[in-house]
Amino acid sequence: MSAHRRPFPTRWFAAGGAAVLAGVIGVALLLQSGGPACAVPPSTTTKTGKATFYDLAGTSGNCSFEVPADDLYVALGPDQYADGASCGAYLDVTGPKGKVRVKVFDSCPECDAGHLDLSRTAFKKIGAEVSGIISIKYKLVTNPSVPGPISVRIKEGASQYWFAARIDNHANLLSSVKVAGPGGSFKTAHRTDFNYWLIDSGAGSGPYKIKITDVYGNTTTVPGIQMKPGVVQKTSVSLSGGSSTVAEKTTAAKSSPTPAPKKSPSAAVSPSVSSVAPLSESAAAVPGTTEGALLNLAGDAQPANCG
């Protein structure tokens, strides 16, 4: 069984205005070396660009996420969407009226680098809707606050013979996902452009342990994921987010008998189907560097430990 690319949703652009200089976000670049894809830490410098807005046609964007409760999201052009590598990251975008934080949720095939296509709700927070297009500054957020702990959704059609899972609320860009079935060793999943992680040969019948690593080398393991296609399984594991201390590099989070608050990374109890709270507007206060992962321009950065 093979995965199929999610069709691009119909896009409705606001028109007008003059184009401004496009900047690159410096999202994670994938380094293919015969093994799993390993992401390079991206640039967190402020870039200049332009923003338009669109109305989502359908219930989801190309990242396969549910629409955020606050309706604040962004679609990126092909270079910055990076075949799904940017999905789930957060950007701070500043326009004429102020600043808004948006989740990378969708792709915009028509957008050049530096052209951010915002949800209408997000656009109206930083510019006049009648303008249609505005000049902006934007930057990638490191360790942003997220709506809740990590959640996992097994894709429809998955089975013990073909594994596909979407990871949400991971805060930072992801570099690798590995999956182990009962009594088995970890297998490396590969990311699709519709933001599911696949193991074409399957990972057994479950329950699964899923080891998640971000571009800064932070790693945690989510246990107890069931083979329940189409169901969002909420856990109590947090990789990073809020003003929390970042999860230990290449170390599973500590266990907790009850779901942990988002400010304290911890390992999960058995996942359950649940909704998540609205996104907090507070930003994380974190150092500018992480061991083994430099936050300079992507082209100069060193590869993170993929775990």
C-alpha atoms as a PDB file:
ATOM      1  CA  MET A   1       0.000   0.000   0.000  1.00  0.00           C
ATOM      2  CA  SER A   2       1.303   3.450  -0.807  1.00  0.00           C
ATOM      3  CA  ALA A   3       0.447   6.959   0.305  1.00  0.00           C
ATOM      4  CA  HIS A   4      -1.095   9.501  -2.015  1.00  0.00           C
ATOM      5  CA  ARG A   5      -0.362  13.206  -2.069  1.00  0.00           C
ATOM      6  CA  ARG A   6      -3.162  15.270  -0.559  1.00  0.00           C
ATOM      7  CA  PRO A   7      -4.640  17.495  -3.288  1.00  0.00           C
ATOM      8  CA  PHE A   8      -3.969  21.183  -2.869  1.00  0.00           C
ATOM      9  CA  PRO A   9      -7.050  22.964  -1.520  1.00  0.00           C
ATOM     10  CA  THR A  10      -8.689  25.710  -3.553  1.00  0.00           C
ATOM     11  CA  ARG A  11      -7.168  28.996  -2.475  1.00  0.00           C
ATOM     12  CA  TRP A  12      -8.857  32.392  -2.317  1.00  0.00           C
ATOM     13  CA  PHE A  13      -6.324  35.228  -2.364  1.00  0.00           C
ATOM     14  CA  ALA A  14      -6.878  38.832  -1.453  1.00  0.00           C
ATOM     15  CA  ALA A  15      -5.640  41.077  -4.223  1.00  0.00           C
ATOM     16  CA  GLY A  16      -3.876  44.436  -4.507  1.00  0.00           C
ATOM     17  CA  GLY A  17      -0.787  46.141  -3.146  1.00  0.00           C
ATOM     18  CA  ALA A  18       2.814  46.151  -4.271  1.00  0.00           C
ATOM     19  CA  ALA A  19       5.199  43.292  -3.775  1.00  0.00           C
ATOM     20  CA  VAL A  20       8.014  43.730  -1.279  1.00  0.00           C
ATOM     21  CA  LEU A  21      11.327  41.965  -0.911  1.00  0.00           C
ATOM     22  CA  ALA A  22      10.893  38.271  -0.169  1.00  0.00           C
ATOM     23  CA  GLY A  23      12.966  36.708   2.620  1.00  0.00           C
ATOM     24  CA  VAL A  24      13.665  33.104   3.331  1.00  0.00           C
ATOM     25  CA  ILE A  25      12.592  31.537   6.594  1.00  0.00           C
ATOM     26  CA  GLY A  26      15.511  29.099   6.597  1.00  0.00           C
ATOM     27  CA  VAL A  27      13.352  26.102   7.447  1.00  0.00           C
ATOM     28  CA  ALA A  28      14.955  22.735   8.066  1.00  0.00           C
ATOM     29  CA  LEU A  29      16.889  21.357   5.135  1.00  0.00           C
ATOM     30  CA  LEU A  30      16.864  17.607   4.736  1.00  0.00           C
ATOM     31  CA  LEU A  31      20.208  15.867   4.475  1.00  0.00           C
ATOM     32  CA  GLN A  32      19.881  12.538   2.723  1.00  0.00           C
ATOM     33  CA  SER A  33      22.844  10.266   3.344  1.00  0.00           C
ATOM     34  CA  GLY A  34      21.455   6.788   2.898  1.00  0.00           C
ATOM     35  CA  GLY A  35      19.804   6.879   6.320  1.00  0.00           C
ATOM     36  CA  PRO A  36      16.947   8.797   7.917  1.00  0.00           C
ATOM     37  CA  ALA A  37      16.417  12.432   7.029  1.00  0.00           C
ATOM     38  CA  CYS A  38      18.185  14.704   9.512  1.00  0.00           C
ATOM     39  CA  ALA A  39      17.195  18.347   9.685  1.00  0.00           C
ATOM     40  CA  VAL A  40      19.531  21.299   9.997  1.00  0.00           C
ATOM     41  CA  PRO A  41      18.520  23.844  12.655  1.00  0.00           C
ATOM     42  CA  PRO A  42      16.827  26.740  10.835  1.00  0.00           C
ATOM     43  CA  SER A  43      17.407  30.455  10.936  1.00  0.00           C
ATOM     44  CA  THR A  44      15.610  32.395  13.667  1.00  0.00           C
ATOM     45  CA  THR A  45      16.571  35.818  12.331  1.00  0.00           C
ATOM     46  CA  THR A  46      13.856  38.286  11.372  1.00  0.00           C
ATOM     47  CA  LYS A  47      13.003  38.322   7.661  1.00  0.00           C
ATOM     48  CA  THR A  48      11.040  40.732   5.500  1.00  0.00           C
ATOM     49  CA  GLY A  49       8.269  39.742   3.132  1.00  0.00           C
ATOM     50  CA  LYS A  50       4.633  40.197   2.263  1.00  0.00           C
ATOM     51  CA  ALA A  51       1.378  38.671   3.456  1.00  0.00           C
ATOM     52  CA  THR A  52      -1.924  37.910   1.819  1.00  0.00           C
ATOM     53  CA  PHE A  53      -4.849  35.930   3.230  1.00  0.00           C
ATOM     54  CA  TYR A  54      -7.077  33.086   2.117  1.00  0.00           C
ATOM     55  CA  ASP A  55     -10.121  31.172   3.214  1.00  0.00           C
ATOM     56  CA  LEU A  56      -9.593  27.460   3.655  1.00  0.00           C
ATOM     57  CA  ALA A  57     -11.575  25.384   1.175  1.00  0.00           C
ATOM     58  CA  GLY A  58     -12.218  22.203   3.117  1.00  0.00           C
ATOM     59  CA  THR A  59     -11.453  21.128   6.663  1.00  0.00           C
ATOM     60  CA  SER A  60      -7.658  20.820   6.566  1.00  0.00           C
ATOM     61  CA  GLY A  61      -4.535  22.105   4.880  1.00  0.00           C
ATOM     62  CA  ASN A  62      -1.693  20.104   3.365  1.00  0.00           C
ATOM     63  CA  CYS A  63      -0.154  19.503   6.810  1.00  0.00           C
ATOM     64  CA  SER A  64      -3.201  17.329   7.639  1.00  0.00           C
ATOM     65  CA  PHE A  65      -3.824  19.146  10.939  1.00  0.00           C
ATOM     66  CA  GLU A  66      -7.192  20.056  12.361  1.00  0.00           C
ATOM     67  CA  VAL A  67      -7.859  23.803  12.082  1.00  0.00           C
ATOM     68  CA  PRO A  68      -6.335  25.511  15.160  1.00  0.00           C
ATOM     69  CA  ALA A  69      -8.902  26.563  17.748  1.00  0.00           C
ATOM     70  CA  ASP A  70      -7.773  30.188  17.457  1.00  0.00           C
ATOM     71  CA  ASP A  71      -7.893  30.072  13.614  1.00  0.00           C
ATOM     72  CA  LEU A  72      -4.334  31.453  13.416  1.00  0.00           C
ATOM     73  CA  TYR A  73      -2.372  29.637  10.735  1.00  0.00           C
ATOM     74  CA  VAL A  74      -0.218  30.189   7.652  1.00  0.00           C
ATOM     75  CA  ALA A  75       0.463  28.567   4.295  1.00  0.00           C
ATOM     76  CA  LEU A  76       4.006  28.642   2.901  1.00  0.00           C
ATOM     77  CA  GLY A  77       5.346  28.480  -0.629  1.00  0.00           C
ATOM     78  CA  PRO A  78       7.139  25.352  -1.910  1.00  0.00           C
ATOM     79  CA  ASP A  79      10.649  26.439  -0.832  1.00  0.00           C
ATOM     80  CA  GLN A  80       9.562  27.166   2.723  1.00  0.00           C
ATOM     81  CA  TYR A  81       6.970  24.412   3.050  1.00  0.00           C
ATOM     82  CA  ALA A  82       9.888  22.085   2.227  1.00  0.00           C
ATOM     83  CA  ASP A  83       7.800  19.004   1.402  1.00  0.00           C
ATOM     84  CA  GLY A  84       6.130  19.136   4.806  1.00  0.00           C
ATOM     85  CA  ALA A  85       9.270  19.714   6.906  1.00  0.00           C
ATOM     86  CA  SER A  86       7.857  23.036   8.178  1.00  0.00           C
ATOM     87  CA  CYS A  87       4.512  21.633   9.322  1.00  0.00           C
ATOM     88  CA  GLY A  88       3.686  22.366  12.955  1.00  0.00           C
ATOM     89  CA  ALA A  89       6.247  25.143  13.399  1.00  0.00           C
ATOM     90  CA  TYR A  90       5.207  28.614  14.566  1.00  0.00           C
ATOM     91  CA  LEU A  91       6.038  32.020  13.105  1.00  0.00           C
ATOM     92  CA  ASP A  92       5.744  35.462  14.674  1.00  0.00           C
ATOM     93  CA  VAL A  93       4.517  37.809  11.958  1.00  0.00           C
ATOM     94  CA  THR A  94       4.522  41.604  12.363  1.00  0.00           C
ATOM     95  CA  GLY A  95       2.477  43.916  10.154  1.00  0.00           C
ATOM     96  CA  PRO A  96       1.183  47.506  10.215  1.00  0.00           C
ATOM     97  CA  LYS A  97      -1.241  46.826  13.111  1.00  0.00           C
ATOM     98  CA  GLY A  98       0.899  44.590  15.316  1.00  0.00           C
ATOM     99  CA  LYS A  99       2.103  41.013  15.731  1.00  0.00           C
ATOM    100  CA  VAL A 100       0.449  37.610  15.484  1.00  0.00           C
ATOM    101  CA  ARG A 101       1.720  34.067  16.049  1.00  0.00           C
ATOM    102  CA  VAL A 102       0.659  31.517  13.444  1.00  0.00           C
ATOM    103  CA  LYS A 103       1.061  27.781  12.981  1.00  0.00           C
ATOM    104  CA  VAL A 104       2.444  26.372   9.734  1.00  0.00           C
ATOM    105  CA  PHE A 105      -0.640  24.548   8.522  1.00  0.00           C
ATOM    106  CA  ASP A 106      -0.716  24.497   4.735  1.00  0.00           C
ATOM    107  CA  SER A 107       1.204  24.896   1.496  1.00  0.00           C
ATOM    108  CA  CYS A 108       0.774  27.666  -1.048  1.00  0.00           C
ATOM    109  CA  PRO A 109       1.947  26.513  -4.499  1.00  0.00           C
ATOM    110  CA  GLU A 110       1.730  30.065  -5.887  1.00  0.00           C
ATOM    111  CA  CYS A 111       3.804  31.710  -3.128  1.00  0.00           C
ATOM    112  CA  ASP A 112       7.457  32.670  -3.495  1.00  0.00           C
ATOM    113  CA  ALA A 113       9.795  32.574  -0.491  1.00  0.00           C
ATOM    114  CA  GLY A 114       8.820  35.380   1.878  1.00  0.00           C
ATOM    115  CA  HIS A 115       5.197  35.435   0.744  1.00  0.00           C
ATOM    116  CA  LEU A 116       3.115  34.243   3.696  1.00  0.00           C
ATOM    117  CA  ASP A 117      -0.518  33.390   3.020  1.00  0.00           C
ATOM    118  CA  LEU A 118      -2.285  33.866   6.343  1.00  0.00           C
ATOM    119  CA  SER A 119      -5.701  32.837   7.553  1.00  0.00           C
ATOM    120  CA  ARG A 120      -8.124  35.747   7.290  1.00  0.00           C
ATOM    121  CA  THR A 121      -8.287  35.882  11.112  1.00  0.00           C
ATOM    122  CA  ALA A 122      -4.502  36.188  11.407  1.00  0.00           C
ATOM    123  CA  PHE A 123      -4.246  38.781   8.638  1.00  0.00           C
ATOM    124  CA  LYS A 124      -6.854  41.036  10.272  1.00  0.00           C
ATOM    125  CA  LYS A 125      -4.814  41.096  13.486  1.00  0.00           C
ATOM    126  CA  ILE A 126      -1.848  42.749  11.746  1.00  0.00           C
ATOM    127  CA  GLY A 127      -3.333  44.594   8.769  1.00  0.00           C
ATOM    128  CA  ALA A 128      -6.471  46.061   7.249  1.00  0.00           C
ATOM    129  CA  GLU A 129      -8.463  43.435   5.370  1.00  0.00           C
ATOM    130  CA  VAL A 130      -9.195  45.938   2.598  1.00  0.00           C
ATOM    131  CA  SER A 131      -5.450  46.240   1.881  1.00  0.00           C
ATOM    132  CA  GLY A 132      -5.319  42.683   0.586  1.00  0.00           C
ATOM    133  CA  ILE A 133      -1.519  42.546   0.725  1.00  0.00           C
ATOM    134  CA  ILE A 134       0.802  44.035   3.337  1.00  0.00           C
ATOM    135  CA  SER A 135       4.503  44.290   4.072  1.00  0.00           C
ATOM    136  CA  ILE A 136       5.595  42.159   7.021  1.00  0.00           C
ATOM    137  CA  LYS A 137       8.487  40.994   9.126  1.00  0.00           C
ATOM    138  CA  TYR A 138       8.507  37.435  10.402  1.00  0.00           C
ATOM    139  CA  LYS A 139      10.639  34.949  12.257  1.00  0.00           C
ATOM    140  CA  LEU A 140      10.582  31.324  13.322  1.00  0.00           C
ATOM    141  CA  VAL A 141       9.731  30.821  17.015  1.00  0.00           C
ATOM    142  CA  THR A 142      11.968  28.525  19.057  1.00  0.00           C
ATOM    143  CA  ASN A 143      10.160  26.413  21.699  1.00  0.00           C
ATOM    144  CA  PRO A 144       6.772  28.132  21.304  1.00  0.00           C
ATOM    145  CA  SER A 145       3.871  27.551  23.618  1.00  0.00           C
ATOM    146  CA  VAL A 146       1.588  24.862  22.154  1.00  0.00           C
ATOM    147  CA  PRO A 147      -2.080  24.015  22.828  1.00  0.00           C
ATOM    148  CA  GLY A 148      -1.303  20.822  24.718  1.00  0.00           C
ATOM    149  CA  PRO A 149       0.926  17.743  24.852  1.00  0.00           C
ATOM    150  CA  ILE A 150       1.876  15.699  21.832  1.00  0.00           C
ATOM    151  CA  SER A 151      -0.942  13.999  19.962  1.00  0.00           C
ATOM    152  CA  VAL A 152      -0.729  11.185  17.421  1.00  0.00           C
ATOM    153  CA  ARG A 153      -3.184  10.331  14.662  1.00  0.00           C
ATOM    154  CA  ILE A 154      -2.899   7.026  12.798  1.00  0.00           C
ATOM    155  CA  LYS A 155      -3.922   7.466   9.168  1.00  0.00           C
ATOM    156  CA  GLU A 156      -6.945   5.795   7.655  1.00  0.00           C
ATOM    157  CA  GLY A 157      -5.890   2.609   5.865  1.00  0.00           C
ATOM    158  CA  ALA A 158      -2.973   1.953   8.201  1.00  0.00           C
ATOM    159  CA  SER A 159      -2.486  -1.545   9.627  1.00  0.00           C
ATOM    160  CA  GLN A 160       0.189  -3.762  11.115  1.00  0.00           C
ATOM    161  CA  TYR A 161       1.590  -4.005   7.588  1.00  0.00           C
ATOM    162  CA  TRP A 162       1.672  -0.276   6.748  1.00  0.00           C
ATOM    163  CA  PHE A 163       2.272   2.356   9.430  1.00  0.00           C
ATOM    164  CA  ALA A 164       1.374   6.028   9.005  1.00  0.00           C
ATOM    165  CA  ALA A 165       1.109   8.576  11.827  1.00  0.00           C
ATOM    166  CA  ARG A 166       0.780  12.340  12.124  1.00  0.00           C
ATOM    167  CA  ILE A 167       2.485  14.030  15.085  1.00  0.00           C
ATOM    168  CA  ASP A 168       1.098  17.310  16.437  1.00  0.00           C
ATOM    169  CA  ASN A 169       2.022  19.793  19.205  1.00  0.00           C
ATOM    170  CA  HIS A 170       5.752  19.107  18.886  1.00  0.00           C
ATOM    171  CA  ALA A 171       6.512  22.873  18.971  1.00  0.00           C
ATOM    172  CA  ASN A 172       9.797  22.821  17.011  1.00  0.00           C
ATOM    173  CA  LEU A 173      10.516  21.403  13.571  1.00  0.00           C
ATOM    174  CA  LEU A 174      10.993  17.641  13.637  1.00  0.00           C
ATOM    175  CA  SER A 175      14.019  15.810  12.294  1.00  0.00           C
ATOM    176  CA  SER A 176      13.109  12.157  12.867  1.00  0.00           C
ATOM    177  CA  VAL A 177      10.398   9.779  14.030  1.00  0.00           C
ATOM    178  CA  LYS A 178      11.041   6.147  14.971  1.00  0.00           C
ATOM    179  CA  VAL A 179       8.465   3.517  15.872  1.00  0.00           C
ATOM    180  CA  ALA A 180       8.683   0.245  17.820  1.00  0.00           C
ATOM    181  CA  GLY A 181       5.960  -2.364  18.171  1.00  0.00           C
ATOM    182  CA  PRO A 182       5.645  -4.794  21.119  1.00  0.00           C
ATOM    183  CA  GLY A 183       9.012  -6.416  21.731  1.00  0.00           C
ATOM    184  CA  GLY A 184      10.440  -4.953  18.537  1.00  0.00           C
ATOM    185  CA  SER A 185      13.263  -2.586  17.762  1.00  0.00           C
ATOM    186  CA  PHE A 186      12.755   0.951  16.534  1.00  0.00           C
ATOM    187  CA  LYS A 187      12.170   1.447  12.824  1.00  0.00           C
ATOM    188  CA  THR A 188      12.773   4.806  11.163  1.00  0.00           C
ATOM    189  CA  ALA A 189       9.749   6.432   9.537  1.00  0.00           C
ATOM    190  CA  HIS A 190       9.980   8.722   6.533  1.00  0.00           C
ATOM    191  CA  ARG A 191       8.046  11.976   6.273  1.00  0.00           C
ATOM    192  CA  THR A 192       5.563  12.683   3.485  1.00  0.00           C
ATOM    193  CA  ASP A 193       4.644  16.064   2.025  1.00  0.00           C
ATOM    194  CA  PHE A 194       1.227  15.730   3.682  1.00  0.00           C
ATOM    195  CA  ASN A 195       2.919  15.485   7.097  1.00  0.00           C
ATOM    196  CA  TYR A 196       2.456  11.812   7.950  1.00  0.00           C
ATOM    197  CA  TRP A 197       5.379   9.623   8.974  1.00  0.00           C
ATOM    198  CA  LEU A 198       5.363   6.292   7.148  1.00  0.00           C
ATOM    199  CA  ILE A 199       6.909   2.863   7.582  1.00  0.00           C
ATOM    200  CA  ASP A 200       5.995   1.043   4.380  1.00  0.00           C
ATOM    201  CA  SER A 201       6.684  -2.411   5.815  1.00  0.00           C
ATOM    202  CA  GLY A 202       4.599  -1.701   8.928  1.00  0.00           C
ATOM    203  CA  ALA A 203       5.481  -1.789  12.630  1.00  0.00           C
ATOM    204  CA  GLY A 204       3.298  -4.646  13.858  1.00  0.00           C
ATOM    205  CA  SER A 205      -0.104  -4.492  15.489  1.00  0.00           C
ATOM    206  CA  GLY A 206       0.739  -2.165  18.382  1.00  0.00           C
ATOM    207  CA  PRO A 207       0.637  -0.667  20.874  1.00  0.00           C
ATOM    208  CA  TYR A 208       3.604   1.385  19.736  1.00  0.00           C
ATOM    209  CA  LYS A 209       6.375   3.461  21.224  1.00  0.00           C
ATOM    210  CA  ILE A 210       7.160   6.496  19.074  1.00  0.00           C
ATOM    211  CA  LYS A 211      10.506   8.245  19.489  1.00  0.00           C
ATOM    212  CA  ILE A 212      10.351  11.868  18.329  1.00  0.00           C
ATOM    213  CA  THR A 213      13.395  14.102  17.775  1.00  0.00           C
ATOM    214  CA  ASP A 214      13.364  17.788  16.836  1.00  0.00           C
ATOM    215  CA  VAL A 215      15.951  19.808  14.924  1.00  0.00           C
ATOM    216  CA  TYR A 216      17.681  20.877  18.144  1.00  0.00           C
ATOM    217  CA  GLY A 217      18.333  17.273  19.199  1.00  0.00           C
ATOM    218  CA  ASN A 218      15.599  17.169  21.851  1.00  0.00           C
ATOM    219  CA  THR A 219      14.094  13.677  22.050  1.00  0.00           C
ATOM    220  CA  THR A 220      11.176  12.082  23.841  1.00  0.00           C
ATOM    221  CA  THR A 221       9.363   8.757  23.543  1.00  0.00           C
ATOM    222  CA  VAL A 222       5.581   8.452  23.434  1.00  0.00           C
ATOM    223  CA  PRO A 223       4.323   5.020  24.610  1.00  0.00           C
ATOM    224  CA  GLY A 224       0.978   3.299  24.305  1.00  0.00           C
ATOM    225  CA  ILE A 225      -0.126   4.449  20.844  1.00  0.00           C
ATOM    226  CA  GLN A 226      -2.829   2.129  19.523  1.00  0.00           C
ATOM    227  CA  MET A 227      -3.603   1.091  15.949  1.00  0.00           C
ATOM    228  CA  LYS A 228      -6.755   3.210  15.756  1.00  0.00           C
ATOM    229  CA  PRO A 229      -6.919   4.798  12.288  1.00  0.00           C
ATOM    230  CA  GLY A 230      -8.601   8.189  12.125  1.00  0.00           C
ATOM    231  CA  VAL A 231      -8.496   8.778  15.879  1.00  0.00           C
ATOM    232  CA  VAL A 232      -6.500  11.602  17.502  1.00  0.00           C
ATOM    233  CA  GLN A 233      -4.712  10.045  20.480  1.00  0.00           C
ATOM    234  CA  LYS A 234      -3.753  12.671  23.039  1.00  0.00           C
ATOM    235  CA  THR A 235      -0.805  11.921  25.324  1.00  0.00           C
ATOM    236  CA  SER A 236       0.801  13.609  28.329  1.00  0.00           C
ATOM    237  CA  VAL A 237       4.234  13.885  26.685  1.00  0.00           C
ATOM    238  CA  SER A 238       5.644  17.336  25.903  1.00  0.00           C
ATOM    239  CA  LEU A 239       8.764  17.680  23.802  1.00  0.00           C
ATOM    240  CA  SER A 240       9.013  21.425  24.429  1.00  0.00           C
ATOM    241  CA  GLY A 241       6.794  24.481  24.609  1.00  0.00           C
ATOM    242  CA  GLY A 242       5.751  27.380  26.788  1.00  0.00           C
ATOM    243  CA  SER A 243       8.414  28.531  29.253  1.00  0.00           C
ATOM    244  CA  SER A 244       9.340  24.933  29.985  1.00  0.00           C
ATOM    245  CA  THR A 245      12.794  23.495  30.205  1.00  0.00           C
ATOM    246  CA  VAL A 246      13.491  21.755  26.916  1.00  0.00           C
ATOM    247  CA  ALA A 247      13.297  17.969  27.074  1.00  0.00           C
ATOM    248  CA  GLU A 248      16.665  16.366  27.656  1.00  0.00           C
ATOM    249  CA  LYS A 249      18.614  15.679  24.503  1.00  0.00           C
ATOM    250  CA  THR A 250      18.234  12.055  23.390  1.00  0.00           C
ATOM    251  CA  THR A 251      16.526  11.200  26.682  1.00  0.00           C
ATOM    252  CA  ALA A 252      12.939  10.062  27.191  1.00  0.00           C
ATOM    253  CA  ALA A 253      10.928  12.356  29.440  1.00  0.00           C
ATOM    254  CA  LYS A 254      10.224  11.488  33.061  1.00  0.00           C
ATOM    255  CA  SER A 255       7.033   9.607  33.837  1.00  0.00           C
ATOM    256  CA  SER A 256       4.041  11.142  35.582  1.00  0.00           C
ATOM    257  CA  PRO A 257       0.885   9.419  36.889  1.00  0.00           C
ATOM    258  CA  THR A 258      -1.336  12.223  35.617  1.00  0.00           C
ATOM    259  CA  PRO A 259      -1.251  14.354  32.467  1.00  0.00           C
ATOM    260  CA  ALA A 260       1.475  16.947  32.952  1.00  0.00           C
ATOM    261  CA  PRO A 261       0.973  20.675  32.359  1.00  0.00           C
ATOM    262  CA  LYS A 262       2.533  21.951  29.164  1.00  0.00           C
ATOM    263  CA  LYS A 263       5.306  23.714  31.096  1.00  0.00           C
ATOM    264  CA  SER A 264       6.829  20.424  32.231  1.00  0.00           C
ATOM    265  CA  PRO A 265       7.903  17.781  29.660  1.00  0.00           C
ATOM    266  CA  SER A 266       6.917  14.298  30.845  1.00  0.00           C
ATOM    267  CA  ALA A 267       6.210  10.841  29.514  1.00  0.00           C
ATOM    268  CA  ALA A 268       2.703   9.791  28.655  1.00  0.00           C
ATOM    269  CA  VAL A 269       0.145   7.644  30.312  1.00  0.00           C
ATOM    270  CA  SER A 270      -1.963   5.673  27.857  1.00  0.00           C
ATOM    271  CA  PRO A 271      -3.296   8.037  25.183  1.00  0.00           C
ATOM    272  CA  SER A 272      -6.965   8.921  24.894  1.00  0.00           C
ATOM    273  CA  VAL A 273      -9.142  10.703  22.382  1.00  0.00           C
ATOM    274  CA  SER A 274      -9.404  14.309  23.467  1.00  0.00           C
ATOM    275  CA  SER A 275      -9.484  17.862  22.221  1.00  0.00           C
ATOM    276  CA  VAL A 276      -6.775  20.373  23.110  1.00  0.00           C
ATOM    277  CA  ALA A 277      -6.967  23.801  24.706  1.00  0.00           C
ATOM    278  CA  PRO A 278      -6.626  27.018  22.674  1.00  0.00           C
ATOM    279  CA  LEU A 279      -3.119  28.194  21.839  1.00  0.00           C
ATOM    280  CA  SER A 280      -1.475  30.376  24.427  1.00  0.00           C
ATOM    281  CA  GLU A 281      -0.197  33.728  23.145  1.00  0.00           C
ATOM    282  CA  SER A 282       2.817  33.693  25.471  1.00  0.00           C
ATOM    283  CA  ALA A 283       6.221  33.082  23.940  1.00  0.00           C
ATOM    284  CA  ALA A 284       8.967  30.945  25.346  1.00  0.00           C
ATOM    285  CA  ALA A 285      12.029  32.433  26.963  1.00  0.00           C
ATOM    286  CA  VAL A 286      14.783  30.132  25.808  1.00  0.00           C
ATOM    287  CA  PRO A 287      18.494  30.386  25.149  1.00  0.00           C
ATOM    288  CA  GLY A 288      19.671  31.219  21.655  1.00  0.00           C
ATOM    289  CA  THR A 289      21.562  27.984  21.256  1.00  0.00           C
ATOM    290  CA  THR A 290      21.180  24.330  22.135  1.00  0.00           C
ATOM    291  CA  GLU A 291      24.045  21.883  22.510  1.00  0.00           C
ATOM    292  CA  GLY A 292      24.905  20.407  19.127  1.00  0.00           C
ATOM    293  CA  ALA A 293      22.470  22.668  17.256  1.00  0.00           C
ATOM    294  CA  LEU A 294      23.412  26.183  16.187  1.00  0.00           C
ATOM    295  CA  LEU A 295      20.671  28.730  15.576  1.00  0.00           C
ATOM    296  CA  ASN A 296      22.501  30.577  12.813  1.00  0.00           C
ATOM    297  CA  LEU A 297      21.568  30.558   9.161  1.00  0.00           C
ATOM    298  CA  ALA A 298      20.578  27.119   7.944  1.00  0.00           C
ATOM    299  CA  GLY A 299      23.401  27.013   5.426  1.00  0.00           C
ATOM    300  CA  ASP A 300      25.973  27.430   8.203  1.00  0.00           C
ATOM    301  CA  ALA A 301      24.366  25.245  10.826  1.00  0.00           C
ATOM    302  CA  GLN A 302      25.582  21.860  11.929  1.00  0.00           C
ATOM    303  CA  PRO A 303      23.289  18.832  11.584  1.00  0.00           C
ATOM    304  CA  ALA A 304      21.375  17.945  14.728  1.00  0.00           C
ATOM    305  CA  ASN A 305      21.581  14.496  16.267  1.00  0.00           C
ATOM    306  CA  CYS A 306      18.667  12.631  14.729  1.00  0.00           C
ATOM    307  CA  GLY A 307      18.547  10.186  17.617  1.00  0.00           C
END
